[in-house]
Protein backbone atom coordinates (compact mmCIF):
# COMPACT_ATOMS: atom_id res chain seq x y z
CA MET A 1 5.90 10.85 -16.98
CA GLU A 2 3.52 13.48 -16.59
CA PRO A 3 5.16 17.03 -17.74
CA ILE A 4 4.81 19.53 -15.01
CA SER A 5 4.57 23.47 -15.97
CA PHE A 6 5.72 26.00 -13.95
CA ASP A 7 4.69 28.55 -15.83
CA ARG A 8 3.49 31.64 -14.72
CA HIS A 9 5.01 30.96 -11.23
CA ARG A 10 7.63 33.31 -9.65
CA PHE A 11 10.15 31.01 -8.17
CA PRO A 12 11.69 28.77 -9.64
CA PRO A 13 11.14 25.35 -10.77
CA GLU A 14 13.89 23.80 -8.01
CA ILE A 15 12.76 25.68 -5.46
CA ILE A 16 9.21 24.48 -6.15
CA ARG A 17 10.36 21.11 -5.99
CA TYR A 18 12.27 21.21 -2.93
CA ALA A 19 9.45 23.39 -1.05
CA VAL A 20 6.84 19.95 -2.25
CA TRP A 21 10.03 17.44 -1.22
CA LEU A 22 10.33 19.29 1.86
CA TYR A 23 6.68 18.94 3.35
CA ALA A 24 5.95 15.26 1.90
CA LYS A 25 9.49 13.45 3.53
CA PHE A 26 9.45 14.80 6.94
CA THR A 27 6.66 15.16 9.28
CA LEU A 28 6.66 18.88 8.93
CA SER A 29 4.00 21.69 8.70
CA PHE A 30 3.26 24.07 5.85
CA ARG A 31 4.77 26.90 8.62
CA ASP A 32 7.74 24.87 9.23
CA VAL A 33 8.68 24.66 5.45
CA GLU A 34 8.22 28.50 5.27
CA ASP A 35 10.86 28.82 8.30
CA LEU A 36 12.75 26.29 6.34
CA LEU A 37 13.05 28.21 3.25
CA VAL A 38 13.60 31.65 5.09
CA GLU A 39 16.75 30.42 6.54
CA ARG A 40 17.81 29.57 3.15
CA GLY A 41 16.67 33.04 2.17
CA LEU A 42 13.47 32.56 0.39
CA ASP A 43 10.72 34.74 1.12
CA VAL A 44 8.05 31.91 0.80
CA SER A 45 4.43 31.92 3.03
CA TYR A 46 3.36 28.83 3.93
CA GLU A 47 -0.47 29.35 2.08
CA THR A 48 2.19 29.53 -0.91
CA VAL A 49 3.51 26.02 -0.16
CA ARG A 50 0.32 24.32 0.86
CA ARG A 51 -1.11 25.41 -2.63
CA TRP A 52 2.43 24.09 -4.20
CA CYS A 53 1.43 20.70 -2.40
CA LEU A 54 -2.04 20.22 -3.95
CA LYS A 55 -0.85 21.53 -7.04
CA PHE A 56 2.46 19.53 -8.09
CA GLY A 57 2.32 17.24 -5.34
CA PRO A 58 0.33 14.11 -7.02
CA THR A 59 1.72 14.88 -10.49
CA ILE A 60 5.16 14.49 -9.05
CA ALA A 61 4.21 11.47 -6.86
CA ARG A 62 2.85 9.58 -10.37
CA ASN A 63 6.18 10.26 -11.47
CA LEU A 64 8.19 9.11 -8.82
CA LYS A 65 5.83 5.89 -8.59
CA THR A 66 6.58 5.12 -12.36
CA LYS A 67 10.74 4.96 -11.62
CA ARG A 68 10.47 2.34 -8.30
CA PRO A 69 11.59 -0.89 -8.85
CA ALA A 70 9.07 -3.81 -8.98
CA PRO A 71 7.97 -4.71 -5.43
CA SER A 72 9.18 -7.71 -3.93
CA ASP A 73 6.98 -10.91 -4.26
CA HIS A 74 6.85 -11.30 -0.40
CA TRP A 75 4.46 -9.41 1.22
CA HIS A 76 3.70 -8.10 5.02
CA LEU A 77 0.15 -7.54 5.68
CA ASP A 78 -0.62 -5.88 9.20
CA GLU A 79 -3.08 -2.59 10.62
CA MET A 80 -2.75 -0.63 13.38
CA VAL A 81 -5.06 1.76 15.19
CA MET A 82 -5.01 5.55 14.36
CA VAL A 83 -7.24 8.51 15.97
CA ILE A 84 -8.75 11.12 13.64
CA ARG A 85 -10.69 13.78 15.04
CA GLY A 86 -11.39 11.65 18.27
CA ARG A 87 -12.40 9.00 16.30
CA HIS A 88 -10.61 5.32 16.61
CA TYR A 89 -10.07 4.53 12.78
CA TRP A 90 -7.62 1.04 11.53
CA LEU A 91 -4.76 1.65 9.27
CA TRP A 92 -4.38 -1.37 6.95
CA ARG A 93 -1.54 -1.48 4.95
CA GLY A 94 0.82 -3.85 2.98
CA VAL A 95 4.52 -3.39 2.60
CA ASP A 96 7.52 -6.07 1.01
CA ASN A 97 9.99 -7.59 2.78
CA GLU A 98 11.97 -4.46 1.58
CA GLY A 99 10.29 -1.99 3.48
CA GLU A 100 8.40 -0.39 0.16
CA VAL A 101 4.91 0.39 0.80
CA LEU A 102 2.65 -1.66 -1.44
CA ASP A 103 -1.04 0.06 -0.61
CA PHE A 104 -2.59 0.91 2.91
CA LEU A 105 -6.11 2.29 3.28
CA VAL A 106 -8.10 3.14 6.34
CA GLN A 107 -11.08 1.70 7.63
CA SER A 108 -13.63 2.03 10.70
CA ARG A 109 -13.41 -1.20 11.52
CA ARG A 110 -11.03 -4.07 11.98
CA ASN A 111 -12.94 -7.33 10.10
CA THR A 112 -12.56 -9.56 7.39
CA LYS A 113 -14.30 -7.24 5.23
CA ALA A 114 -11.81 -4.68 5.92
CA ALA A 115 -8.96 -7.34 5.31
CA GLU A 116 -10.16 -8.68 1.79
CA LYS A 117 -10.44 -5.31 0.21
CA LEU A 118 -7.03 -4.39 1.56
CA MET A 119 -6.01 -7.64 -0.48
CA ARG A 120 -8.05 -6.94 -3.30
CA SER A 121 -6.58 -3.35 -3.32
CA LEU A 122 -3.11 -5.02 -3.28
CA LEU A 123 -3.63 -7.59 -6.08
CA ARG A 124 -4.91 -5.20 -8.57
CA GLN A 125 -1.78 -2.95 -8.37
CA HIS A 126 0.85 -5.68 -7.76
CA CYS A 127 1.44 -9.29 -9.58
CA ARG A 128 0.91 -12.19 -7.06
CA PRO A 129 2.96 -12.84 -4.22
CA THR A 130 4.78 -16.00 -3.48
CA GLN A 131 5.09 -15.48 0.72
CA VAL A 132 2.77 -13.64 2.89
CA THR A 133 3.58 -12.54 6.31
CA ILE A 134 0.21 -12.04 8.53
CA ASP A 135 -0.29 -11.77 12.38
CA LYS A 136 -2.80 -13.44 14.58
CA LEU A 137 -6.02 -11.65 13.36
CA ARG A 138 -8.47 -14.30 12.51
CA SER A 139 -9.83 -11.37 9.64
CA TYR A 140 -7.32 -12.81 7.54
CA CYS A 141 -7.81 -16.62 7.83
CA ALA A 142 -11.75 -15.33 6.88
CA ALA A 143 -10.64 -13.08 3.83
CA PHE A 144 -8.69 -16.10 2.57
CA LYS A 145 -11.39 -18.35 2.61
CA LYS A 146 -13.98 -15.72 1.04
CA LEU A 147 -11.12 -15.16 -1.78
CA ALA A 148 -10.69 -19.21 -2.41
CA SER A 149 -14.58 -19.51 -2.87
CA THR A 150 -14.08 -17.43 -5.42
CA GLY A 151 -11.67 -18.89 -7.75
CA SER A 152 -11.54 -21.74 -10.24
CA LYS A 153 -10.10 -24.96 -9.31
CA ALA A 154 -9.69 -26.20 -13.76
CA ARG A 155 -6.12 -24.43 -13.71
CA ALA A 156 -3.10 -25.78 -13.73
CA LYS A 157 -1.30 -25.73 -10.29
CA ASP A 158 2.35 -24.11 -11.03
CA ALA A 159 2.70 -21.89 -8.32
CA ALA A 160 2.33 -21.90 -4.14
CA VAL A 161 1.55 -19.22 -1.59
CA GLN A 162 3.34 -19.74 1.49
CA ILE A 163 2.12 -18.27 4.40
CA THR A 164 4.05 -17.26 7.48
CA TRP A 165 2.24 -16.88 10.81
CA ILE A 166 3.77 -13.92 13.44
CA SER A 167 1.63 -15.91 16.50
CA THR A 168 1.76 -19.56 16.41
CA MET A 169 -1.41 -19.00 19.22
CA LEU A 170 -4.49 -19.33 17.14
CA PRO A 171 -4.76 -22.45 14.93
CA GLN A 172 -3.69 -22.12 11.15
CA PRO A 173 -6.38 -22.64 8.58
CA SER A 174 -5.94 -26.07 6.47
CA ILE A 175 -4.34 -25.77 3.18
CA GLY A 176 -7.77 -26.44 1.35
CA ASP A 177 -8.74 -23.14 3.24
CA LEU A 178 -5.76 -21.24 1.36
CA LYS A 179 -6.57 -22.72 -1.88
CA GLN A 180 -6.75 -19.94 -4.72
CA PHE A 181 -6.00 -17.47 -2.42
CA LEU A 182 -5.23 -14.13 -4.37
CA LEU A 183 -6.95 -15.55 -7.84
CA PRO A 184 -9.66 -12.70 -8.54
CA ALA A 185 -7.91 -9.67 -8.84
CA SER A 186 -4.58 -11.02 -10.33
CA SER A 187 -6.50 -12.77 -12.69
CA ALA A 188 -7.84 -9.84 -14.06
CA ARG A 189 -5.28 -8.32 -14.60
CA SER A 190 -2.73 -11.12 -16.28
CA GLY A 191 -5.96 -12.95 -17.82
CA ASN A 192 -4.31 -16.43 -17.01
CA LEU A 193 -6.37 -17.75 -13.79
CA GLN A 194 -4.05 -20.08 -11.72
CA THR A 195 -4.77 -22.55 -8.55
CA ILE A 196 -2.71 -21.52 -5.75
CA SER A 197 -1.49 -24.14 -3.16
CA GLY A 198 -0.81 -22.68 -0.13
CA ARG A 199 1.33 -24.27 2.89
CA CYS A 200 1.06 -22.46 6.58
CA SER A 201 4.50 -23.09 8.28
CA GLN A 202 5.43 -22.41 11.86
């Protein structure tokens, strides 16, 4: 854990942590946090809260991340549209079956390149999953094929990834398309390249 120094701050560390927690935990503005602190007899301006969040927020988040338990090996991948300054973007997200957010990306497009970028980012940070649940977006199929094409077929087949499809309206990819899915990035971390056989389930 990274040490956090609260030297030369007028308020005690407990109050600073509480203000940062309020802003990060709930959908509050800096002025909302200011009002909540005023109700507790603390005269703190919203600008002070903003500076606390910028200074201490990232370090507190990193320390909390080190305390979290290892995520589940059952992943759910999805995407949703969002509007930022009048422009439409796609929020790509990966969560485990316990609701823990593994990673997310904001991309301007909903295509194969974005899907592959999300999966590679997930594999750099987490161990290879045993089951992946996705929606009917065709970009996932193309991303699986692209990742599979960069894998190695010379290793032992001692693991399987089950691909669960939320929608059955689209044709499912073949087993060959899903082979070696999730290999490139995970092998860079583990140093052990393995061929993954996939199975599609209804």
